[in-house]
All heavy atoms as atom14 arrays in JSON, in Angstrom:
{
  "sequence": "IASNIAEICSNPEVDIVVEVIGGVEPAKTFVLAALNAGKSVVT",
  "atom14_mask": [
    [1, 1, 1, 1, 1, 1, 1, 1, 0, 0, 0, 0, 0, 0],
    [1, 1, 1, 1, 1, 0, 0, 0, 0, 0, 0, 0, 0, 0],
    [1, 1, 1, 1, 1, 1, 0, 0, 0, 0, 0, 0, 0, 0],
    [1, 1, 1, 1, 1, 1, 1, 1, 0, 0, 0, 0, 0, 0],
    [1, 1, 1, 1, 1, 1, 1, 1, 0, 0, 0, 0, 0, 0],
    [1, 1, 1, 1, 1, 0, 0, 0, 0, 0, 0, 0, 0, 0],
    [1, 1, 1, 1, 1, 1, 1, 1, 1, 0, 0, 0, 0, 0],
    [1, 1, 1, 1, 1, 1, 1, 1, 0, 0, 0, 0, 0, 0],
    [1, 1, 1, 1, 1, 1, 0, 0, 0, 0, 0, 0, 0, 0],
    [1, 1, 1, 1, 1, 1, 0, 0, 0, 0, 0, 0, 0, 0],
    [1, 1, 1, 1, 1, 1, 1, 1, 0, 0, 0, 0, 0, 0],
    [1, 1, 1, 1, 1, 1, 1, 0, 0, 0, 0, 0, 0, 0],
    [1, 1, 1, 1, 1, 1, 1, 1, 1, 0, 0, 0, 0, 0],
    [1, 1, 1, 1, 1, 1, 1, 0, 0, 0, 0, 0, 0, 0],
    [1, 1, 1, 1, 1, 1, 1, 1, 0, 0, 0, 0, 0, 0],
    [1, 1, 1, 1, 1, 1, 1, 1, 0, 0, 0, 0, 0, 0],
    [1, 1, 1, 1, 1, 1, 1, 0, 0, 0, 0, 0, 0, 0],
    [1, 1, 1, 1, 1, 1, 1, 0, 0, 0, 0, 0, 0, 0],
    [1, 1, 1, 1, 1, 1, 1, 1, 1, 0, 0, 0, 0, 0],
    [1, 1, 1, 1, 1, 1, 1, 0, 0, 0, 0, 0, 0, 0],
    [1, 1, 1, 1, 1, 1, 1, 1, 0, 0, 0, 0, 0, 0],
    [1, 1, 1, 1, 0, 0, 0, 0, 0, 0, 0, 0, 0, 0],
    [1, 1, 1, 1, 0, 0, 0, 0, 0, 0, 0, 0, 0, 0],
    [1, 1, 1, 1, 1, 1, 1, 0, 0, 0, 0, 0, 0, 0],
    [1, 1, 1, 1, 1, 1, 1, 1, 1, 0, 0, 0, 0, 0],
    [1, 1, 1, 1, 1, 1, 1, 0, 0, 0, 0, 0, 0, 0],
    [1, 1, 1, 1, 1, 0, 0, 0, 0, 0, 0, 0, 0, 0],
    [1, 1, 1, 1, 1, 1, 1, 1, 1, 0, 0, 0, 0, 0],
    [1, 1, 1, 1, 1, 1, 1, 0, 0, 0, 0, 0, 0, 0],
    [1, 1, 1, 1, 1, 1, 1, 1, 1, 1, 1, 0, 0, 0],
    [1, 1, 1, 1, 1, 1, 1, 0, 0, 0, 0, 0, 0, 0],
    [1, 1, 1, 1, 1, 1, 1, 1, 0, 0, 0, 0, 0, 0],
    [1, 1, 1, 1, 1, 0, 0, 0, 0, 0, 0, 0, 0, 0],
    [1, 1, 1, 1, 1, 0, 0, 0, 0, 0, 0, 0, 0, 0],
    [1, 1, 1, 1, 1, 1, 1, 1, 0, 0, 0, 0, 0, 0],
    [1, 1, 1, 1, 1, 1, 1, 1, 0, 0, 0, 0, 0, 0],
    [1, 1, 1, 1, 1, 0, 0, 0, 0, 0, 0, 0, 0, 0],
    [1, 1, 1, 1, 0, 0, 0, 0, 0, 0, 0, 0, 0, 0],
    [1, 1, 1, 1, 1, 1, 1, 1, 1, 0, 0, 0, 0, 0],
    [1, 1, 1, 1, 1, 1, 0, 0, 0, 0, 0, 0, 0, 0],
    [1, 1, 1, 1, 1, 1, 1, 0, 0, 0, 0, 0, 0, 0],
    [1, 1, 1, 1, 1, 1, 1, 0, 0, 0, 0, 0, 0, 0],
    [1, 1, 1, 1, 1, 1, 1, 0, 0, 0, 0, 0, 0, 0]
  ],
  "atom14_positions": [
    [[0.87, -1.19, -0.05], [0.05, 0.03, 0.01], [0.89, 1.2, 0.03], [1.61, 1.55, 1.02], [-0.94, 0.0, 1.25], [-1.79, -1.32, 1.2], [-1.84, 1.21, 1.14], [-2.59, -1.44, 2.51], [0.0, 0.0, 0.0], [0.0, 0.0, 0.0], [0.0, 0.0, 0.0], [0.0, 0.0, 0.0], [0.0, 0.0, 0.0], [0.0, 0.0, 0.0]],
    [[0.95, 1.96, -1.07], [1.79, 3.14, -1.26], [1.1, 4.34, -0.66], [-0.16, 4.37, -0.53], [2.07, 3.42, -2.73], [0.0, 0.0, 0.0], [0.0, 0.0, 0.0], [0.0, 0.0, 0.0], [0.0, 0.0, 0.0], [0.0, 0.0, 0.0], [0.0, 0.0, 0.0], [0.0, 0.0, 0.0], [0.0, 0.0, 0.0], [0.0, 0.0, 0.0]],
    [[1.9, 5.31, -0.2], [1.33, 6.52, 0.43], [1.32, 7.68, -0.46], [0.73, 8.72, -0.21], [2.07, 6.84, 1.78], [3.42, 6.98, 1.5], [0.0, 0.0, 0.0], [0.0, 0.0, 0.0], [0.0, 0.0, 0.0], [0.0, 0.0, 0.0], [0.0, 0.0, 0.0], [0.0, 0.0, 0.0], [0.0, 0.0, 0.0], [0.0, 0.0, 0.0]],
    [[2.02, 7.64, -1.58], [2.11, 8.75, -2.56], [2.44, 8.17, -3.93], [2.97, 6.99, -4.1], [3.04, 9.76, -2.11], [4.44, 9.26, -1.86], [5.07, 8.82, -2.8], [4.85, 9.29, -0.57], [0.0, 0.0, 0.0], [0.0, 0.0, 0.0], [0.0, 0.0, 0.0], [0.0, 0.0, 0.0], [0.0, 0.0, 0.0], [0.0, 0.0, 0.0]],
    [[2.27, 8.94, -4.98], [2.51, 8.53, -6.31], [4.01, 8.26, -6.55], [4.41, 7.46, -7.41], [1.96, 9.48, -7.4], [2.02, 9.0, -8.78], [2.62, 10.8, -7.27], [1.15, 7.73, -9.01], [0.0, 0.0, 0.0], [0.0, 0.0, 0.0], [0.0, 0.0, 0.0], [0.0, 0.0, 0.0], [0.0, 0.0, 0.0], [0.0, 0.0, 0.0]],
    [[4.84, 9.01, -5.88], [6.3, 8.87, -6.06], [6.8, 7.47, -5.76], [7.64, 6.93, -6.45], [7.07, 9.88, -5.21], [0.0, 0.0, 0.0], [0.0, 0.0, 0.0], [0.0, 0.0, 0.0], [0.0, 0.0, 0.0], [0.0, 0.0, 0.0], [0.0, 0.0, 0.0], [0.0, 0.0, 0.0], [0.0, 0.0, 0.0], [0.0, 0.0, 0.0]],
    [[6.17, 6.86, -4.76], [6.56, 5.5, -4.4], [6.23, 4.53, -5.53], [7.07, 3.64, -5.81], [5.76, 5.09, -3.15], [6.23, 5.62, -1.86], [5.43, 5.13, -0.68], [5.07, 3.9, -0.66], [5.15, 5.9, 0.22], [0.0, 0.0, 0.0], [0.0, 0.0, 0.0], [0.0, 0.0, 0.0], [0.0, 0.0, 0.0], [0.0, 0.0, 0.0]],
    [[5.13, 4.83, -6.17], [4.8, 3.86, -7.33], [5.7, 4.17, -8.59], [6.17, 3.21, -9.2], [3.31, 4.08, -7.63], [2.44, 3.4, -6.59], [2.91, 3.58, -9.04], [1.01, 3.66, -6.71], [0.0, 0.0, 0.0], [0.0, 0.0, 0.0], [0.0, 0.0, 0.0], [0.0, 0.0, 0.0], [0.0, 0.0, 0.0], [0.0, 0.0, 0.0]],
    [[5.87, 5.43, -8.87], [6.77, 5.78, -10.03], [8.17, 5.26, -9.8], [8.85, 4.97, -10.85], [6.73, 7.3, -10.2], [5.16, 7.91, -10.77], [0.0, 0.0, 0.0], [0.0, 0.0, 0.0], [0.0, 0.0, 0.0], [0.0, 0.0, 0.0], [0.0, 0.0, 0.0], [0.0, 0.0, 0.0], [0.0, 0.0, 0.0], [0.0, 0.0, 0.0]],
    [[8.65, 5.16, -8.57], [10.03, 4.73, -8.33], [10.19, 3.23, -8.12], [11.28, 2.66, -7.97], [10.63, 5.5, -7.17], [9.94, 5.23, -5.98], [0.0, 0.0, 0.0], [0.0, 0.0, 0.0], [0.0, 0.0, 0.0], [0.0, 0.0, 0.0], [0.0, 0.0, 0.0], [0.0, 0.0, 0.0], [0.0, 0.0, 0.0], [0.0, 0.0, 0.0]],
    [[9.06, 2.54, -8.17], [9.06, 1.07, -7.9], [9.43, 0.36, -9.18], [8.65, 0.29, -10.15], [7.63, 0.66, -7.46], [7.61, -0.79, -6.93], [8.49, -1.58, -7.31], [6.66, -1.11, -6.17], [0.0, 0.0, 0.0], [0.0, 0.0, 0.0], [0.0, 0.0, 0.0], [0.0, 0.0, 0.0], [0.0, 0.0, 0.0], [0.0, 0.0, 0.0]],
    [[10.6, -0.3, -9.22], [11.07, -0.99, -10.44], [10.11, -2.17, -10.84], [10.25, -2.71, -11.9], [12.47, -1.42, -10.13], [12.48, -1.53, -8.63], [11.59, -0.43, -8.12], [0.0, 0.0, 0.0], [0.0, 0.0, 0.0], [0.0, 0.0, 0.0], [0.0, 0.0, 0.0], [0.0, 0.0, 0.0], [0.0, 0.0, 0.0], [0.0, 0.0, 0.0]],
    [[9.36, -2.69, -9.88], [8.48, -3.9, -10.11], [7.21, -3.52, -10.79], [6.53, -4.36, -11.28], [8.2, -4.59, -8.79], [9.37, -5.14, -8.06], [10.19, -6.12, -8.87], [9.54, -6.99, -9.47], [11.41, -6.02, -8.84], [0.0, 0.0, 0.0], [0.0, 0.0, 0.0], [0.0, 0.0, 0.0], [0.0, 0.0, 0.0], [0.0, 0.0, 0.0]],
    [[6.91, -2.23, -10.87], [5.68, -1.69, -11.49], [5.88, -1.39, -12.98], [6.73, -0.51, -13.36], [5.07, -0.49, -10.75], [3.91, 0.06, -11.53], [4.68, -0.82, -9.36], [0.0, 0.0, 0.0], [0.0, 0.0, 0.0], [0.0, 0.0, 0.0], [0.0, 0.0, 0.0], [0.0, 0.0, 0.0], [0.0, 0.0, 0.0], [0.0, 0.0, 0.0]],
    [[5.2, -2.1, -13.82], [5.32, -1.79, -15.26], [4.07, -1.05, -15.78], [4.19, -0.21, -16.82], [5.41, -3.13, -16.1], [6.57, -3.98, -15.6], [7.71, -3.6, -15.85], [6.26, -5.02, -14.98], [0.0, 0.0, 0.0], [0.0, 0.0, 0.0], [0.0, 0.0, 0.0], [0.0, 0.0, 0.0], [0.0, 0.0, 0.0], [0.0, 0.0, 0.0]],
    [[2.9, -1.27, -15.24], [1.64, -0.66, -15.72], [0.99, -0.06, -14.55], [0.81, -0.63, -13.47], [0.72, -1.74, -16.36], [1.41, -2.43, -17.55], [-0.6, -1.1, -16.84], [0.65, -3.68, -18.09], [0.0, 0.0, 0.0], [0.0, 0.0, 0.0], [0.0, 0.0, 0.0], [0.0, 0.0, 0.0], [0.0, 0.0, 0.0], [0.0, 0.0, 0.0]],
    [[0.53, 1.24, -14.74], [-0.23, 1.93, -13.69], [-1.69, 2.06, -14.12], [-1.98, 2.53, -15.26], [0.38, 3.31, -13.45], [-0.52, 4.15, -12.48], [1.79, 3.2, -12.85], [0.0, 0.0, 0.0], [0.0, 0.0, 0.0], [0.0, 0.0, 0.0], [0.0, 0.0, 0.0], [0.0, 0.0, 0.0], [0.0, 0.0, 0.0], [0.0, 0.0, 0.0]],
    [[-2.59, 1.72, -13.3], [-4.08, 1.68, -13.63], [-4.63, 2.92, -12.82], [-4.58, 2.85, -11.56], [-4.77, 0.39, -13.15], [-6.28, 0.56, -13.45], [-4.16, -0.77, -13.96], [0.0, 0.0, 0.0], [0.0, 0.0, 0.0], [0.0, 0.0, 0.0], [0.0, 0.0, 0.0], [0.0, 0.0, 0.0], [0.0, 0.0, 0.0], [0.0, 0.0, 0.0]],
    [[-5.21, 3.83, -13.55], [-5.81, 4.97, -12.9], [-7.36, 4.91, -12.93], [-7.93, 4.9, -13.97], [-5.37, 6.32, -13.59], [-5.84, 7.56, -12.96], [-7.2, 7.98, -13.38], [-7.5, 8.05, -14.64], [-8.11, 8.2, -12.49], [0.0, 0.0, 0.0], [0.0, 0.0, 0.0], [0.0, 0.0, 0.0], [0.0, 0.0, 0.0], [0.0, 0.0, 0.0]],
    [[-7.95, 4.77, -11.77], [-9.41, 4.62, -11.62], [-9.9, 5.65, -10.54], [-10.87, 5.42, -9.89], [-9.84, 3.26, -11.32], [-9.75, 2.39, -12.52], [-9.0, 2.62, -10.19], [0.0, 0.0, 0.0], [0.0, 0.0, 0.0], [0.0, 0.0, 0.0], [0.0, 0.0, 0.0], [0.0, 0.0, 0.0], [0.0, 0.0, 0.0], [0.0, 0.0, 0.0]],
    [[-9.19, 6.81, -10.42], [-9.56, 7.79, -9.41], [-10.79, 8.59, -9.89], [-11.72, 8.92, -9.12], [-8.41, 8.76, -9.1], [-7.21, 7.99, -8.62], [-8.78, 9.8, -8.13], [-5.95, 8.74, -8.54], [0.0, 0.0, 0.0], [0.0, 0.0, 0.0], [0.0, 0.0, 0.0], [0.0, 0.0, 0.0], [0.0, 0.0, 0.0], [0.0, 0.0, 0.0]],
    [[-10.74, 9.0, -11.15], [-11.86, 9.81, -11.7], [-11.53, 11.29, -11.5], [-10.67, 11.71, -10.71], [0.0, 0.0, 0.0], [0.0, 0.0, 0.0], [0.0, 0.0, 0.0], [0.0, 0.0, 0.0], [0.0, 0.0, 0.0], [0.0, 0.0, 0.0], [0.0, 0.0, 0.0], [0.0, 0.0, 0.0], [0.0, 0.0, 0.0], [0.0, 0.0, 0.0]],
    [[-12.21, 12.07, -12.31], [-12.02, 13.56, -12.23], [-10.65, 13.99, -12.86], [-9.93, 13.1, -13.41], [0.0, 0.0, 0.0], [0.0, 0.0, 0.0], [0.0, 0.0, 0.0], [0.0, 0.0, 0.0], [0.0, 0.0, 0.0], [0.0, 0.0, 0.0], [0.0, 0.0, 0.0], [0.0, 0.0, 0.0], [0.0, 0.0, 0.0], [0.0, 0.0, 0.0]],
    [[-10.45, 15.19, -12.86], [-9.17, 15.72, -13.52], [-7.99, 15.67, -12.57], [-6.93, 15.14, -12.91], [-9.43, 17.13, -14.11], [-8.1, 17.73, -14.58], [-10.48, 17.12, -15.24], [0.0, 0.0, 0.0], [0.0, 0.0, 0.0], [0.0, 0.0, 0.0], [0.0, 0.0, 0.0], [0.0, 0.0, 0.0], [0.0, 0.0, 0.0], [0.0, 0.0, 0.0]],
    [[-8.09, 16.26, -11.41], [-6.98, 16.2, -10.43], [-7.43, 15.55, -9.2], [-8.48, 15.63, -8.72], [-6.47, 17.65, -10.12], [-5.78, 18.33, -11.25], [-4.47, 17.72, -11.55], [-4.01, 16.79, -10.83], [-3.82, 18.14, -12.54], [0.0, 0.0, 0.0], [0.0, 0.0, 0.0], [0.0, 0.0, 0.0], [0.0, 0.0, 0.0], [0.0, 0.0, 0.0]],
    [[-6.49, 14.77, -8.59], [-5.01, 14.58, -8.94], [-4.71, 13.57, -10.02], [-3.57, 13.28, -10.24], [-4.47, 14.17, -7.57], [-5.56, 13.29, -6.98], [-6.84, 13.93, -7.39], [0.0, 0.0, 0.0], [0.0, 0.0, 0.0], [0.0, 0.0, 0.0], [0.0, 0.0, 0.0], [0.0, 0.0, 0.0], [0.0, 0.0, 0.0], [0.0, 0.0, 0.0]],
    [[-5.79, 13.06, -10.65], [-5.6, 11.96, -11.65], [-4.58, 12.43, -12.78], [-3.69, 11.61, -13.07], [-6.9, 11.59, -12.27], [0.0, 0.0, 0.0], [0.0, 0.0, 0.0], [0.0, 0.0, 0.0], [0.0, 0.0, 0.0], [0.0, 0.0, 0.0], [0.0, 0.0, 0.0], [0.0, 0.0, 0.0], [0.0, 0.0, 0.0], [0.0, 0.0, 0.0]],
    [[-4.73, 13.66, -13.24], [-3.86, 14.08, -14.32], [-2.37, 14.11, -13.91], [-1.52, 13.61, -14.62], [-4.3, 15.46, -14.83], [-3.45, 15.99, -15.9], [-3.83, 17.43, -16.26], [-2.87, 18.11, -17.26], [-3.11, 19.51, -17.43], [0.0, 0.0, 0.0], [0.0, 0.0, 0.0], [0.0, 0.0, 0.0], [0.0, 0.0, 0.0], [0.0, 0.0, 0.0]],
    [[-2.14, 14.69, -12.74], [-0.8, 14.74, -12.18], [-0.18, 13.41, -12.0], [0.93, 13.08, -12.34], [-0.8, 15.54, -10.85], [-1.19, 16.84, -11.03], [0.6, 15.55, -10.2], [0.0, 0.0, 0.0], [0.0, 0.0, 0.0], [0.0, 0.0, 0.0], [0.0, 0.0, 0.0], [0.0, 0.0, 0.0], [0.0, 0.0, 0.0], [0.0, 0.0, 0.0]],
    [[-0.94, 12.4, -11.49], [-0.54, 11.07, -11.21], [-0.18, 10.36, -12.54], [0.79, 9.64, -12.63], [-1.57, 10.31, -10.48], [-1.7, 10.7, -8.99], [-2.72, 10.15, -8.22], [-0.95, 11.73, -8.49], [-2.8, 10.49, -6.89], [-1.1, 12.17, -7.16], [-2.03, 11.49, -6.31], [0.0, 0.0, 0.0], [0.0, 0.0, 0.0], [0.0, 0.0, 0.0]],
    [[-1.12, 10.46, -13.55], [-0.88, 9.81, -14.83], [0.3, 10.3, -15.5], [1.15, 9.47, -16.04], [-2.17, 9.92, -15.7], [-1.87, 9.43, -17.1], [-3.3, 9.1, -15.1], [0.0, 0.0, 0.0], [0.0, 0.0, 0.0], [0.0, 0.0, 0.0], [0.0, 0.0, 0.0], [0.0, 0.0, 0.0], [0.0, 0.0, 0.0], [0.0, 0.0, 0.0]],
    [[0.49, 11.66, -15.56], [1.68, 12.21, -16.19], [2.94, 11.76, -15.46], [3.96, 11.49, -16.1], [1.57, 13.71, -16.19], [0.56, 14.26, -17.25], [0.43, 15.82, -17.12], [1.03, 13.93, -18.65], [0.0, 0.0, 0.0], [0.0, 0.0, 0.0], [0.0, 0.0, 0.0], [0.0, 0.0, 0.0], [0.0, 0.0, 0.0], [0.0, 0.0, 0.0]],
    [[2.93, 11.7, -14.16], [4.11, 11.23, -13.35], [4.41, 9.84, -13.77], [5.59, 9.45, -13.94], [3.79, 11.37, -11.93], [0.0, 0.0, 0.0], [0.0, 0.0, 0.0], [0.0, 0.0, 0.0], [0.0, 0.0, 0.0], [0.0, 0.0, 0.0], [0.0, 0.0, 0.0], [0.0, 0.0, 0.0], [0.0, 0.0, 0.0], [0.0, 0.0, 0.0]],
    [[3.4, 8.96, -13.87], [3.71, 7.58, -14.25], [4.25, 7.43, -15.6], [5.2, 6.66, -15.87], [2.4, 6.79, -14.14], [0.0, 0.0, 0.0], [0.0, 0.0, 0.0], [0.0, 0.0, 0.0], [0.0, 0.0, 0.0], [0.0, 0.0, 0.0], [0.0, 0.0, 0.0], [0.0, 0.0, 0.0], [0.0, 0.0, 0.0], [0.0, 0.0, 0.0]],
    [[3.67, 8.1, -16.57], [4.12, 8.07, -17.96], [5.62, 8.65, -18.07], [6.47, 8.03, -18.71], [3.24, 8.94, -18.88], [1.88, 8.31, -19.07], [0.95, 9.37, -19.81], [1.87, 7.08, -19.92], [0.0, 0.0, 0.0], [0.0, 0.0, 0.0], [0.0, 0.0, 0.0], [0.0, 0.0, 0.0], [0.0, 0.0, 0.0], [0.0, 0.0, 0.0]],
    [[5.88, 9.73, -17.38], [7.25, 10.24, -17.4], [8.24, 9.37, -16.67], [9.48, 9.54, -16.82], [7.22, 11.7, -16.82], [6.57, 12.64, -17.71], [6.69, 12.59, -18.92], [5.81, 13.69, -17.17], [0.0, 0.0, 0.0], [0.0, 0.0, 0.0], [0.0, 0.0, 0.0], [0.0, 0.0, 0.0], [0.0, 0.0, 0.0], [0.0, 0.0, 0.0]],
    [[7.75, 8.48, -15.78], [8.64, 7.49, -15.14], [8.78, 6.23, -15.98], [9.44, 5.25, -15.56], [8.03, 7.15, -13.79], [0.0, 0.0, 0.0], [0.0, 0.0, 0.0], [0.0, 0.0, 0.0], [0.0, 0.0, 0.0], [0.0, 0.0, 0.0], [0.0, 0.0, 0.0], [0.0, 0.0, 0.0], [0.0, 0.0, 0.0], [0.0, 0.0, 0.0]],
    [[8.23, 6.2, -17.2], [8.3, 5.1, -18.1], [7.32, 4.01, -17.87], [7.52, 2.84, -18.39], [0.0, 0.0, 0.0], [0.0, 0.0, 0.0], [0.0, 0.0, 0.0], [0.0, 0.0, 0.0], [0.0, 0.0, 0.0], [0.0, 0.0, 0.0], [0.0, 0.0, 0.0], [0.0, 0.0, 0.0], [0.0, 0.0, 0.0], [0.0, 0.0, 0.0]],
    [[6.22, 4.32, -17.15], [5.19, 3.27, -16.81], [4.08, 3.4, -17.9], [3.65, 4.48, -18.14], [4.59, 3.43, -15.47], [5.63, 3.65, -14.38], [6.4, 2.45, -14.03], [7.3, 2.78, -12.77], [8.24, 1.66, -12.44], [0.0, 0.0, 0.0], [0.0, 0.0, 0.0], [0.0, 0.0, 0.0], [0.0, 0.0, 0.0], [0.0, 0.0, 0.0]],
    [[3.58, 2.38, -18.44], [2.43, 2.4, -19.27], [1.2, 2.63, -18.38], [1.22, 2.33, -17.19], [2.23, 1.15, -20.09], [3.25, 0.98, -21.02], [0.0, 0.0, 0.0], [0.0, 0.0, 0.0], [0.0, 0.0, 0.0], [0.0, 0.0, 0.0], [0.0, 0.0, 0.0], [0.0, 0.0, 0.0], [0.0, 0.0, 0.0], [0.0, 0.0, 0.0]],
    [[0.16, 3.31, -18.98], [-1.01, 3.59, -18.15], [-2.29, 3.03, -18.83], [-2.45, 3.16, -20.0], [-1.07, 5.2, -18.06], [-2.47, 5.58, -17.47], [0.0, 5.72, -17.21], [0.0, 0.0, 0.0], [0.0, 0.0, 0.0], [0.0, 0.0, 0.0], [0.0, 0.0, 0.0], [0.0, 0.0, 0.0], [0.0, 0.0, 0.0], [0.0, 0.0, 0.0]],
    [[-3.16, 2.51, -17.92], [-4.48, 2.13, -18.26], [-5.44, 2.99, -17.47], [-5.34, 3.04, -16.22], [-4.75, 0.65, -18.02], [-6.27, 0.29, -18.21], [-3.88, -0.2, -18.84], [0.0, 0.0, 0.0], [0.0, 0.0, 0.0], [0.0, 0.0, 0.0], [0.0, 0.0, 0.0], [0.0, 0.0, 0.0], [0.0, 0.0, 0.0], [0.0, 0.0, 0.0]],
    [[-6.39, 3.64, -18.14], [-7.32, 4.54, -17.35], [-8.77, 4.29, -17.78], [-9.05, 3.88, -18.92], [-6.94, 6.04, -17.64], [-7.88, 6.88, -16.88], [-7.0, 6.36, -19.05], [0.0, 0.0, 0.0], [0.0, 0.0, 0.0], [0.0, 0.0, 0.0], [0.0, 0.0, 0.0], [0.0, 0.0, 0.0], [0.0, 0.0, 0.0], [0.0, 0.0, 0.0]]
  ]
}
C-alpha cells in the first residue's frame, strides 16, 4: 500500500499503472508522473 505517487513511480517492479480515481486532479498529475517514469497507463 503506497502512500504517494512517487513510491509507485520509483518502484522498479511496476510496469503498468491503472488510474481509476476519476475527475481531472489529482488523476492528471498522477498519470503524467507515471508516464514520465516510463510506466504504461490504463485509465
